[in-house]
C-alpha atoms as a PDB file:
ATOM      1  CA  UNK A   1     183.096 112.357 144.140  1.00  0.00           C
ATOM      2  CA  UNK A   2     186.848 113.041 143.652  1.00  0.00           C
ATOM      3  CA  UNK A   3     188.903 110.363 145.393  1.00  0.00           C
ATOM      4  CA  UNK A   4     192.233 110.651 147.178  1.00  0.00           C
ATOM      5  CA  UNK A   5     191.831 107.299 148.930  1.00  0.00           C
ATOM      6  CA  UNK A   6     189.613 104.410 147.789  1.00  0.00           C
ATOM      7  CA  UNK A   7     186.015 104.668 148.930  1.00  0.00           C
ATOM      8  CA  UNK A   8     183.653 101.908 150.067  1.00  0.00           C
ATOM      9  CA  UNK A   9     182.713  99.297 147.464  1.00  0.00           C
ATOM     10  CA  UNK A  10     179.112  98.202 146.926  1.00  0.00           C
ATOM     11  CA  UNK A  11     179.627  95.739 144.073  1.00  0.00           C
ATOM     12  CA  UNK A  12     181.858  92.728 143.526  1.00  0.00           C
ATOM     13  CA  UNK A  13     184.700  94.880 142.203  1.00  0.00           C
ATOM     14  CA  UNK A  14     185.978  98.444 142.410  1.00  0.00           C
ATOM     15  CA  UNK A  15     185.692 100.662 139.330  1.00  0.00           C
ATOM     16  CA  UNK A  16     188.134 103.562 139.056  1.00  0.00           C
ATOM     17  CA  UNK A  17     187.865 106.321 136.467  1.00  0.00           C
ATOM     18  CA  UNK A  18     189.314 109.827 136.100  1.00  0.00           C
ATOM     19  CA  UNK A  19     188.089 113.338 135.488  1.00  0.00           C
ATOM     20  CA  UNK A  20     188.989 113.298 131.785  1.00  0.00           C
ATOM     21  CA  UNK A  21     185.669 111.475 131.367  1.00  0.00           C
ATOM     22  CA  UNK A  22     184.021 114.897 131.870  1.00  0.00           C
ATOM     23  CA  UNK A  23     181.315 113.716 134.254  1.00  0.00           C
ATOM     24  CA  UNK A  24     178.612 116.121 135.291  1.00  0.00           C
ATOM     25  CA  UNK A  25     178.705 116.881 139.030  1.00  0.00           C
ATOM     26  CA  UNK A  26     175.337 115.133 139.419  1.00  0.00           C
ATOM     27  CA  UNK A  27     176.488 111.908 137.753  1.00  0.00           C
ATOM     28  CA  UNK A  28     179.820 111.967 139.578  1.00  0.00           C
ATOM     29  CA  UNK A  29     178.032 112.180 142.918  1.00  0.00           C
ATOM     30  CA  UNK A  30     175.921 109.084 142.281  1.00  0.00           C
ATOM     31  CA  UNK A  31     178.063 106.850 140.066  1.00  0.00           C
ATOM     32  CA  UNK A  32     179.550 104.612 142.801  1.00  0.00           C
ATOM     33  CA  UNK A  33     183.070 104.700 141.352  1.00  0.00           C
ATOM     34  CA  UNK A  34     186.365 106.218 142.464  1.00  0.00           C
ATOM     35  CA  UNK A  35     187.317 109.286 140.402  1.00  0.00           C
ATOM     36  CA  UNK A  36     190.955 110.368 140.155  1.00  0.00           C
ATOM     37  CA  UNK A  37     191.569 114.058 139.470  1.00  0.00           C
ATOM     38  CA  UNK A  38     193.758 115.283 136.629  1.00  0.00           C
ATOM     39  CA  UNK A  39     195.820 118.427 137.254  1.00  0.00           C
ATOM     40  CA  UNK A  40     195.647 121.476 135.003  1.00  0.00           C
ATOM     41  CA  UNK A  41     197.461 124.816 134.999  1.00  0.00           C
ATOM     42  CA  UNK A  42     196.045 128.278 134.296  1.00  0.00           C
ATOM     43  CA  UNK A  43     198.552 131.128 133.992  1.00  0.00           C
ATOM     44  CA  UNK A  44     201.126 129.201 136.017  1.00  0.00           C
ATOM     45  CA  UNK A  45     198.813 128.173 138.874  1.00  0.00           C
ATOM     46  CA  UNK A  46     198.084 124.466 139.233  1.00  0.00           C
ATOM     47  CA  UNK A  47     194.565 123.254 139.978  1.00  0.00           C
ATOM     48  CA  UNK A  48     192.981 119.838 140.358  1.00  0.00           C
ATOM     49  CA  UNK A  49     189.992 119.065 138.190  1.00  0.00           C
ATOM     50  CA  UNK A  50     187.298 118.804 140.866  1.00  0.00           C
ATOM     51  CA  UNK A  51     184.405 118.565 138.375  1.00  0.00           C
ATOM     52  CA  UNK A  52     183.498 122.263 138.538  1.00  0.00           C
ATOM     53  CA  UNK A  53     183.411 122.517 142.309  1.00  0.00           C
ATOM     54  CA  UNK A  54     185.855 125.415 142.640  1.00  0.00           C
ATOM     55  CA  UNK A  55     185.285 127.036 139.245  1.00  0.00           C
ATOM     56  CA  UNK A  56     182.267 127.071 136.921  1.00  0.00           C
ATOM     57  CA  UNK A  57     182.598 126.223 133.230  1.00  0.00           C
ATOM     58  CA  UNK A  58     181.779 129.819 132.281  1.00  0.00           C
ATOM     59  CA  UNK A  59     184.463 131.179 134.605  1.00  0.00           C
ATOM     60  CA  UNK A  60     187.067 128.820 133.159  1.00  0.00           C
ATOM     61  CA  UNK A  61     186.239 129.463 129.517  1.00  0.00           C
ATOM     62  CA  UNK A  62     185.875 133.209 130.036  1.00  0.00           C
ATOM     63  CA  UNK A  63     189.431 133.199 131.382  1.00  0.00           C
ATOM     64  CA  UNK A  64     190.579 131.478 128.195  1.00  0.00           C
ATOM     65  CA  UNK A  65     188.657 133.992 126.094  1.00  0.00           C
ATOM     66  CA  UNK A  66     190.442 136.770 127.987  1.00  0.00           C
ATOM     67  CA  UNK A  67     193.835 135.368 127.029  1.00  0.00           C
ATOM     68  CA  UNK A  68     194.694 133.092 129.974  1.00  0.00           C
ATOM     69  CA  UNK A  69     197.090 130.283 129.057  1.00  0.00           C
ATOM     70  CA  UNK A  70     195.975 126.823 130.131  1.00  0.00           C
ATOM     71  CA  UNK A  71     197.919 123.569 130.044  1.00  0.00           C
ATOM     72  CA  UNK A  72     197.648 120.118 131.552  1.00  0.00           C
ATOM     73  CA  UNK A  73     199.740 117.400 133.151  1.00  0.00           C
ATOM     74  CA  UNK A  74     199.409 113.677 133.728  1.00  0.00           C
ATOM     75  CA  UNK A  75     198.336 112.187 137.042  1.00  0.00           C
ATOM     76  CA  UNK A  76     201.698 111.655 138.797  1.00  0.00           C
ATOM     77  CA  UNK A  77     203.176 108.175 139.152  1.00  0.00           C
ATOM     78  CA  UNK A  78     203.398 108.687 142.914  1.00  0.00           C
ATOM     79  CA  UNK A  79     199.675 109.320 143.190  1.00  0.00           C
ATOM     80  CA  UNK A  80     198.903 106.130 141.305  1.00  0.00           C
ATOM     81  CA  UNK A  81     201.276 104.195 143.587  1.00  0.00           C
ATOM     82  CA  UNK A  82     199.617 105.580 146.689  1.00  0.00           C
ATOM     83  CA  UNK A  83     196.090 104.975 145.430  1.00  0.00           C
ATOM     84  CA  UNK A  84     196.657 101.448 144.076  1.00  0.00           C
ATOM     85  CA  UNK A  85     198.476 100.492 147.283  1.00  0.00           C
ATOM     86  CA  UNK A  86     195.454 101.583 149.304  1.00  0.00           C
ATOM     87  CA  UNK A  87     193.225  99.565 146.970  1.00  0.00           C
ATOM     88  CA  UNK A  88     195.444  96.502 147.440  1.00  0.00           C
ATOM     89  CA  UNK A  89     195.374  96.845 151.212  1.00  0.00           C
ATOM     90  CA  UNK A  90     191.573  97.043 151.094  1.00  0.00           C
ATOM     91  CA  UNK A  91     191.581  93.984 148.847  1.00  0.00           C
ATOM     92  CA  UNK A  92     188.599  94.363 146.484  1.00  0.00           C
ATOM     93  CA  UNK A  93     189.419  93.423 142.846  1.00  0.00           C
ATOM     94  CA  UNK A  94     189.895  96.697 140.960  1.00  0.00           C
ATOM     95  CA  UNK A  95     189.436  97.889 137.370  1.00  0.00           C
ATOM     96  CA  UNK A  96     190.786 101.285 136.310  1.00  0.00           C
ATOM     97  CA  UNK A  97     189.296 102.688 133.085  1.00  0.00           C
ATOM     98  CA  UNK A  98     192.120 105.109 132.303  1.00  0.00           C
ATOM     99  CA  UNK A  99     192.132 108.146 130.017  1.00  0.00           C
ATOM    100  CA  UNK A 100     193.350 107.292 126.524  1.00  0.00           C
ATOM    101  CA  UNK A 101     197.078 106.688 126.153  1.00  0.00           C
ATOM    102  CA  UNK A 102     196.915 108.444 122.769  1.00  0.00           C
ATOM    103  CA  UNK A 103     196.510 111.811 124.498  1.00  0.00           C
ATOM    104  CA  UNK A 104     198.262 111.422 127.861  1.00  0.00           C
ATOM    105  CA  UNK A 105     201.129 109.619 129.575  1.00  0.00           C
ATOM    106  CA  UNK A 106     198.868 108.833 132.542  1.00  0.00           C
ATOM    107  CA  UNK A 107     198.145 105.330 131.236  1.00  0.00           C
ATOM    108  CA  UNK A 108     201.866 104.512 131.186  1.00  0.00           C
ATOM    109  CA  UNK A 109     202.228 105.831 134.733  1.00  0.00           C
ATOM    110  CA  UNK A 110     199.211 103.815 135.866  1.00  0.00           C
ATOM    111  CA  UNK A 111     200.629 100.626 134.343  1.00  0.00           C
ATOM    112  CA  UNK A 112     204.012 101.184 135.985  1.00  0.00           C
ATOM    113  CA  UNK A 113     202.360 101.845 139.338  1.00  0.00           C
ATOM    114  CA  UNK A 114     200.149  98.769 138.992  1.00  0.00           C
ATOM    115  CA  UNK A 115     203.163  96.546 138.226  1.00  0.00           C
ATOM    116  CA  UNK A 116     204.988  97.873 141.280  1.00  0.00           C
ATOM    117  CA  UNK A 117     202.018  97.393 143.587  1.00  0.00           C
ATOM    118  CA  UNK A 118     201.431  93.847 142.341  1.00  0.00           C
ATOM    119  CA  UNK A 119     205.017  92.955 143.256  1.00  0.00           C
ATOM    120  CA  UNK A 120     204.160  93.733 146.854  1.00  0.00           C
ATOM    121  CA  UNK A 121     200.598  92.380 146.726  1.00  0.00           C
ATOM    122  CA  UNK A 122     200.764  89.447 144.279  1.00  0.00           C
ATOM    123  CA  UNK A 123     197.335  88.135 145.268  1.00  0.00           C
ATOM    124  CA  UNK A 124     195.614  91.427 144.489  1.00  0.00           C
ATOM    125  CA  UNK A 125     193.585  91.630 141.277  1.00  0.00           C
ATOM    126  CA  UNK A 126     194.162  94.906 139.449  1.00  0.00           C
ATOM    127  CA  UNK A 127     193.342  95.700 135.815  1.00  0.00           C
ATOM    128  CA  UNK A 128     194.390  98.928 134.078  1.00  0.00           C
ATOM    129  CA  UNK A 129     192.393  99.442 130.874  1.00  0.00           C
ATOM    130  CA  UNK A 130     193.264 102.072 128.270  1.00  0.00           C
ATOM    131  CA  UNK A 131     189.761 103.381 127.581  1.00  0.00           C
ATOM    132  CA  UNK A 132     190.865 104.953 124.241  1.00  0.00           C
ATOM    133  CA  UNK A 133     187.989 107.403 124.664  1.00  0.00           C
ATOM    134  CA  UNK A 134     188.415 111.155 125.225  1.00  0.00           C
ATOM    135  CA  UNK A 135     185.980 113.339 127.143  1.00  0.00           C
ATOM    136  CA  UNK A 136     182.411 112.187 127.753  1.00  0.00           C
ATOM    137  CA  UNK A 137     182.876 109.114 125.552  1.00  0.00           C
ATOM    138  CA  UNK A 138     184.632 107.710 128.614  1.00  0.00           C
ATOM    139  CA  UNK A 139     181.631 108.767 130.704  1.00  0.00           C
ATOM    140  CA  UNK A 140     179.327 106.584 128.604  1.00  0.00           C
ATOM    141  CA  UNK A 141     181.731 103.642 128.988  1.00  0.00           C
ATOM    142  CA  UNK A 142     181.862 104.151 132.765  1.00  0.00           C
ATOM    143  CA  UNK A 143     178.073 104.400 133.099  1.00  0.00           C
ATOM    144  CA  UNK A 144     177.617 101.104 131.288  1.00  0.00           C
ATOM    145  CA  UNK A 145     180.499  99.505 133.223  1.00  0.00           C
ATOM    146  CA  UNK A 146     178.667 100.262 136.448  1.00  0.00           C
ATOM    147  CA  UNK A 147     175.530  98.648 135.039  1.00  0.00           C
ATOM    148  CA  UNK A 148     177.484  95.576 133.953  1.00  0.00           C
ATOM    149  CA  UNK A 149     179.039  95.290 137.413  1.00  0.00           C
ATOM    150  CA  UNK A 150     175.550  95.446 138.884  1.00  0.00           C
ATOM    151  CA  UNK A 151     174.590  92.619 136.507  1.00  0.00           C
ATOM    152  CA  UNK A 152     177.329  90.478 138.032  1.00  0.00           C
ATOM    153  CA  UNK A 153     180.485  90.852 135.942  1.00  0.00           C
ATOM    154  CA  UNK A 154     183.669  90.137 137.886  1.00  0.00           C
ATOM    155  CA  UNK A 155     186.734  92.407 137.685  1.00  0.00           C
ATOM    156  CA  UNK A 156     188.424  90.294 135.007  1.00  0.00           C
ATOM    157  CA  UNK A 157     185.188  90.021 133.043  1.00  0.00           C
ATOM    158  CA  UNK A 158     184.596  93.754 133.323  1.00  0.00           C
ATOM    159  CA  UNK A 159     188.116  94.524 132.054  1.00  0.00           C
ATOM    160  CA  UNK A 160     187.558  92.197 129.083  1.00  0.00           C
ATOM    161  CA  UNK A 161     184.152  93.789 128.470  1.00  0.00           C
ATOM    162  CA  UNK A 162     185.674  97.297 128.471  1.00  0.00           C
ATOM    163  CA  UNK A 163     188.411  96.301 126.010  1.00  0.00           C
ATOM    164  CA  UNK A 164     185.740  95.243 123.528  1.00  0.00           C
ATOM    165  CA  UNK A 165     182.978  97.711 124.360  1.00  0.00           C
ATOM    166  CA  UNK A 166     185.093 100.842 123.859  1.00  0.00           C
ATOM    167  CA  UNK A 167     185.129 100.318 120.073  1.00  0.00           C
ATOM    168  CA  UNK A 168     181.321 100.696 120.037  1.00  0.00           C
ATOM    169  CA  UNK A 169     181.405 104.233 121.484  1.00  0.00           C
ATOM    170  CA  UNK A 170     181.364 106.995 118.867  1.00  0.00           C
ATOM    171  CA  UNK A 171     182.017 110.699 119.170  1.00  0.00           C
ATOM    172  CA  UNK A 172     181.824 113.603 116.734  1.00  0.00           C
ATOM    173  CA  UNK A 173     182.749 117.151 117.653  1.00  0.00           C
ATOM    174  CA  UNK A 174     183.545 120.537 116.247  1.00  0.00           C
ATOM    175  CA  UNK A 175     185.527 123.525 117.495  1.00  0.00           C
ATOM    176  CA  UNK A 176     184.735 127.197 117.133  1.00  0.00           C
ATOM    177  CA  UNK A 177     188.383 127.847 116.223  1.00  0.00           C
ATOM    178  CA  UNK A 178     191.756 126.128 116.307  1.00  0.00           C
ATOM    179  CA  UNK A 179     193.509 128.643 118.584  1.00  0.00           C
ATOM    180  CA  UNK A 180     193.756 126.362 121.615  1.00  0.00           C
ATOM    181  CA  UNK A 181     195.125 123.467 119.555  1.00  0.00           C
ATOM    182  CA  UNK A 182     197.726 125.817 118.078  1.00  0.00           C
ATOM    183  CA  UNK A 183     198.643 127.199 121.512  1.00  0.00           C
ATOM    184  CA  UNK A 184     199.184 123.638 122.748  1.00  0.00           C
ATOM    185  CA  UNK A 185     201.467 122.844 119.828  1.00  0.00           C
ATOM    186  CA  UNK A 186     199.082 120.310 118.279  1.00  0.00           C
ATOM    187  CA  UNK A 187     198.746 122.209 114.990  1.00  0.00           C
ATOM    188  CA  UNK A 188     200.837 125.027 113.406  1.00  0.00           C
ATOM    189  CA  UNK A 189     199.734 128.553 114.384  1.00  0.00           C
ATOM    190  CA  UNK A 190     199.501 129.468 110.696  1.00  0.00           C
ATOM    191  CA  UNK A 191     196.865 126.764 110.182  1.00  0.00           C
ATOM    192  CA  UNK A 192     194.754 128.222 112.987  1.00  0.00           C
ATOM    193  CA  UNK A 193     195.055 131.731 111.554  1.00  0.00           C
ATOM    194  CA  UNK A 194     194.078 130.588 108.073  1.00  0.00           C
ATOM    195  CA  UNK A 195     191.130 128.632 109.438  1.00  0.00           C
ATOM    196  CA  UNK A 196     189.881 131.726 111.267  1.00  0.00           C
ATOM    197  CA  UNK A 197     190.188 133.949 108.187  1.00  0.00           C
ATOM    198  CA  UNK A 198     188.283 131.504 105.998  1.00  0.00           C
ATOM    199  CA  UNK A 199     185.659 130.688 108.682  1.00  0.00           C
ATOM    200  CA  UNK A 200     186.617 127.021 108.450  1.00  0.00           C
ATOM    201  CA  UNK A 201     185.222 124.822 111.215  1.00  0.00           C
ATOM    202  CA  UNK A 202     186.656 121.326 111.561  1.00  0.00           C
ATOM    203  CA  UNK A 203     184.667 118.140 112.075  1.00  0.00           C
ATOM    204  CA  UNK A 204     186.601 115.749 114.289  1.00  0.00           C
ATOM    205  CA  UNK A 205     186.311 112.330 115.857  1.00  0.00           C
ATOM    206  CA  UNK A 206     188.699 109.854 117.511  1.00  0.00           C
ATOM    207  CA  UNK A 207     190.199 106.660 116.172  1.00  0.00           C
ATOM    208  CA  UNK A 208     190.425 103.237 117.819  1.00  0.00           C
ATOM    209  CA  UNK A 209     193.522 104.294 119.771  1.00  0.00           C
ATOM    210  CA  UNK A 210     191.752 107.370 121.140  1.00  0.00           C
ATOM    211  CA  UNK A 211     193.748 109.835 119.038  1.00  0.00           C
ATOM    212  CA  UNK A 212     191.897 112.741 117.442  1.00  0.00           C
ATOM    213  CA  UNK A 213     191.104 112.446 113.743  1.00  0.00           C
ATOM    214  CA  UNK A 214     189.854 115.016 111.237  1.00  0.00           C
ATOM    215  CA  UNK A 215     186.689 113.848 109.482  1.00  0.00           C
ATOM    216  CA  UNK A 216     185.943 116.971 107.456  1.00  0.00           C
ATOM    217  CA  UNK A 217     185.957 120.748 107.200  1.00  0.00           C
ATOM    218  CA  UNK A 218     182.993 123.109 106.994  1.00  0.00           C
ATOM    219  CA  UNK A 219     182.497 126.706 105.953  1.00  0.00           C
ATOM    220  CA  UNK A 220     180.659 128.160 108.918  1.00  0.00           C
ATOM    221  CA  UNK A 221     179.449 127.020 112.305  1.00  0.00           C
ATOM    222  CA  UNK A 222     175.974 125.833 111.268  1.00  0.00           C
ATOM    223  CA  UNK A 223     177.383 123.397 108.724  1.00  0.00           C
ATOM    224  CA  UNK A 224     179.792 122.087 111.360  1.00  0.00           C
ATOM    225  CA  UNK A 225     176.917 121.464 113.768  1.00  0.00           C
ATOM    226  CA  UNK A 226     174.965 119.694 111.041  1.00  0.00           C
ATOM    227  CA  UNK A 227     177.975 117.422 110.519  1.00  0.00           C
ATOM    228  CA  UNK A 228     177.604 116.231 114.131  1.00  0.00           C
ATOM    229  CA  UNK A 229     173.996 115.239 113.489  1.00  0.00           C
ATOM    230  CA  UNK A 230     175.042 113.523 110.256  1.00  0.00           C
ATOM    231  CA  UNK A 231     177.708 111.507 112.102  1.00  0.00           C
ATOM    232  CA  UNK A 232     175.106 110.471 114.644  1.00  0.00           C
ATOM    233  CA  UNK A 233     172.551 109.413 111.992  1.00  0.00           C
ATOM    234  CA  UNK A 234     175.093 107.320 110.111  1.00  0.00           C
ATOM    235  CA  UNK A 235     176.502 105.444 113.099  1.00  0.00           C
ATOM    236  CA  UNK A 236     173.918 105.266 115.915  1.00  0.00           C
ATOM    237  CA  UNK A 237     172.413 101.879 116.705  1.00  0.00           C
ATOM    238  CA  UNK A 238     168.990 102.374 118.358  1.00  0.00           C
ATOM    239  CA  UNK A 239     168.905 101.017 121.912  1.00  0.00           C
ATOM    240  CA  UNK A 240     166.611 102.697 124.430  1.00  0.00           C
ATOM    241  CA  UNK A 241     168.704 101.354 127.331  1.00  0.00           C
ATOM    242  CA  UNK A 242     171.763 103.361 126.243  1.00  0.00           C
ATOM    243  CA  UNK A 243     171.822 107.168 126.598  1.00  0.00           C
ATOM    244  CA  UNK A 244     173.714 109.564 124.365  1.00  0.00           C
ATOM    245  CA  UNK A 245     175.661 112.581 125.579  1.00  0.00           C
ATOM    246  CA  UNK A 246     175.983 116.109 124.239  1.00  0.00           C
ATOM    247  CA  UNK A 247     178.734 118.218 125.797  1.00  0.00           C
ATOM    248  CA  UNK A 248     180.120 121.646 125.073  1.00  0.00           C
ATOM    249  CA  UNK A 249     182.810 123.993 126.253  1.00  0.00           C
ATOM    250  CA  UNK A 250     180.518 126.890 127.180  1.00  0.00           C
ATOM    251  CA  UNK A 251     178.512 126.684 123.937  1.00  0.00           C
ATOM    252  CA  UNK A 252     175.126 125.750 125.343  1.00  0.00           C
ATOM    253  CA  UNK A 253     173.027 127.357 122.602  1.00  0.00           C
ATOM    254  CA  UNK A 254     174.784 125.331 119.929  1.00  0.00           C
ATOM    255  CA  UNK A 255     174.455 122.195 122.070  1.00  0.00           C
ATOM    256  CA  UNK A 256     170.714 122.968 122.374  1.00  0.00           C
ATOM    257  CA  UNK A 257     170.488 123.164 118.568  1.00  0.00           C
ATOM    258  CA  UNK A 258     172.225 119.781 118.179  1.00  0.00           C
ATOM    259  CA  UNK A 259     169.913 118.173 120.747  1.00  0.00           C
ATOM    260  CA  UNK A 260     166.807 119.567 119.050  1.00  0.00           C
ATOM    261  CA  UNK A 261     168.039 118.335 115.643  1.00  0.00           C
ATOM    262  CA  UNK A 262     168.739 114.840 116.994  1.00  0.00           C
ATOM    263  CA  UNK A 263     165.317 114.627 118.647  1.00  0.00           C
ATOM    264  CA  UNK A 264     163.735 115.165 115.216  1.00  0.00           C
ATOM    265  CA  UNK A 265     165.376 111.982 113.943  1.00  0.00           C
ATOM    266  CA  UNK A 266     163.325 108.790 113.843  1.00  0.00           C
ATOM    267  CA  UNK A 267     163.250 107.010 117.191  1.00  0.00           C
ATOM    268  CA  UNK A 268     164.973 109.844 119.048  1.00  0.00           C
ATOM    269  CA  UNK A 269     162.082 111.931 120.408  1.00  0.00           C
ATOM    270  CA  UNK A 270     162.180 110.320 123.854  1.00  0.00           C
ATOM    271  CA  UNK A 271     165.837 109.270 123.767  1.00  0.00           C
ATOM    272  CA  UNK A 272     167.761 109.827 127.011  1.00  0.00           C
ATOM    273  CA  UNK A 273     170.225 112.616 126.269  1.00  0.00           C
ATOM    274  CA  UNK A 274     172.722 113.574 128.950  1.00  0.00           C
ATOM    275  CA  UNK A 275     174.107 117.106 128.876  1.00  0.00           C
ATOM    276  CA  UNK A 276     177.379 118.279 130.315  1.00  0.00           C
ATOM    277  CA  UNK A 277     180.364 120.596 130.085  1.00  0.00           C
ATOM    278  CA  UNK A 278     183.780 119.737 128.723  1.00  0.00           C
ATOM    279  CA  UNK A 279     186.076 119.697 131.764  1.00  0.00           C
ATOM    280  CA  UNK A 280     189.153 121.906 132.181  1.00  0.00           C
ATOM    281  CA  UNK A 281     191.639 119.163 131.280  1.00  0.00           C
ATOM    282  CA  UNK A 282     190.147 118.614 127.833  1.00  0.00           C
ATOM    283  CA  UNK A 283     188.997 122.225 127.655  1.00  0.00           C
ATOM    284  CA  UNK A 284     192.545 123.524 127.980  1.00  0.00           C
ATOM    285  CA  UNK A 285     193.313 121.908 124.609  1.00  0.00           C
ATOM    286  CA  UNK A 286     190.109 122.641 122.676  1.00  0.00           C
ATOM    287  CA  UNK A 287     189.173 126.066 124.054  1.00  0.00           C
ATOM    288  CA  UNK A 288     185.696 127.606 124.250  1.00  0.00           C
ATOM    289  CA  UNK A 289     183.098 126.627 121.676  1.00  0.00           C
ATOM    290  CA  UNK A 290     183.540 122.877 121.343  1.00  0.00           C
ATOM    291  CA  UNK A 291     180.333 120.878 120.840  1.00  0.00           C
ATOM    292  CA  UNK A 292     180.289 117.069 120.801  1.00  0.00           C
ATOM    293  CA  UNK A 293     177.728 114.312 120.431  1.00  0.00           C
ATOM    294  CA  UNK A 294     178.705 110.921 121.858  1.00  0.00           C
ATOM    295  CA  UNK A 295     176.768 107.682 121.608  1.00  0.00           C
ATOM    296  CA  UNK A 296     176.838 103.902 121.297  1.00  0.00           C
ATOM    297  CA  UNK A 297     176.846 102.608 117.733  1.00  0.00           C
ATOM    298  CA  UNK A 298     178.205  99.992 115.406  1.00  0.00           C
ATOM    299  CA  UNK A 299     181.683  98.544 115.986  1.00  0.00           C
ATOM    300  CA  UNK A 300     184.195 101.124 114.783  1.00  0.00           C
ATOM    301  CA  UNK A 301     186.728  98.335 114.276  1.00  0.00           C
ATOM    302  CA  UNK A 302     184.648  96.969 111.428  1.00  0.00           C
ATOM    303  CA  UNK A 303     184.900 100.285 109.589  1.00  0.00           C
ATOM    304  CA  UNK A 304     188.689 100.550 109.716  1.00  0.00           C
ATOM    305  CA  UNK A 305     190.567 101.471 106.579  1.00  0.00           C
ATOM    306  CA  UNK A 306     192.901  98.959 104.967  1.00  0.00           C
ATOM    307  CA  UNK A 307     195.878 100.939 106.289  1.00  0.00           C
ATOM    308  CA  UNK A 308     194.554 100.822 109.855  1.00  0.00           C
ATOM    309  CA  UNK A 309     193.939  97.081 109.613  1.00  0.00           C
ATOM    310  CA  UNK A 310     197.553  96.569 108.520  1.00  0.00           C
ATOM    311  CA  UNK A 311     198.771  98.735 111.401  1.00  0.00           C
ATOM    312  CA  UNK A 312     196.768  96.705 113.923  1.00  0.00           C
ATOM    313  CA  UNK A 313     198.280  93.480 112.628  1.00  0.00           C
ATOM    314  CA  UNK A 314     201.778  94.976 112.895  1.00  0.00           C
ATOM    315  CA  UNK A 315     201.060  95.873 116.522  1.00  0.00           C
ATOM    316  CA  UNK A 316     199.780  92.352 117.136  1.00  0.00           C
ATOM    317  CA  UNK A 317     196.302  93.508 118.082  1.00  0.00           C
END
């Protein structure tokens, strides 16, 4: 499951992911990838995200409800150096699908570590891909990456596939309140207080860089949950081979409601729907009560605004 040193490789390349993909313990145990653990801190004590091995989701979110302060940190540069060096010594071409650079400095650390390792092992093939996908959106990308490896993609082909495929993964989510975002400095505390007083529930998604984006506001929780189903209906591309995922941060009843609503949609009665819990690294920033639906759909790049298209050209993308 969680990897300190590279494990055995069954395919033609090694796939590395991290715990910000919010895998379920069952999927993590059978995925045949290396999983790097993100650190998180609760009331000054550092933990490693071990995919709910040492703490259950309810225990973690109940601590937040009781006033515990949670924060996160990037995977250290030194850990990347140690891990990539071990991969190079083993020799199998390696692809790391790294947590979005829009929300963490881990991608920068991974790139620096990769460059250093390749100086010492110039023949080693190592690709670090910014997955640009928070939470279980990265899980869906990893699941399909494993299938594509099984179908014969090489490391370089898999990296190229991931760069393109990530823009086809969609995610819509809502939060019960904005307290955790305010505590983490991502929004002003006054905005969180006003939202709570007015019973305003945000609808959110993520852009092509992996940064969070506000897609709407709702008066009340039920309307916010309906907005998730609406986002799914408008963007899902039916494909029985591709599952969707519904995750929550200890809000299982609301996640049940979203699943039941989606199953009523045309073509969705027998759809494979994975369920899971938002891990502590993401959970530290969103708090209890998040619900998200994540799925494969149409290319998000084709729906960019004019401003975003200009920005991509400026960046040379």
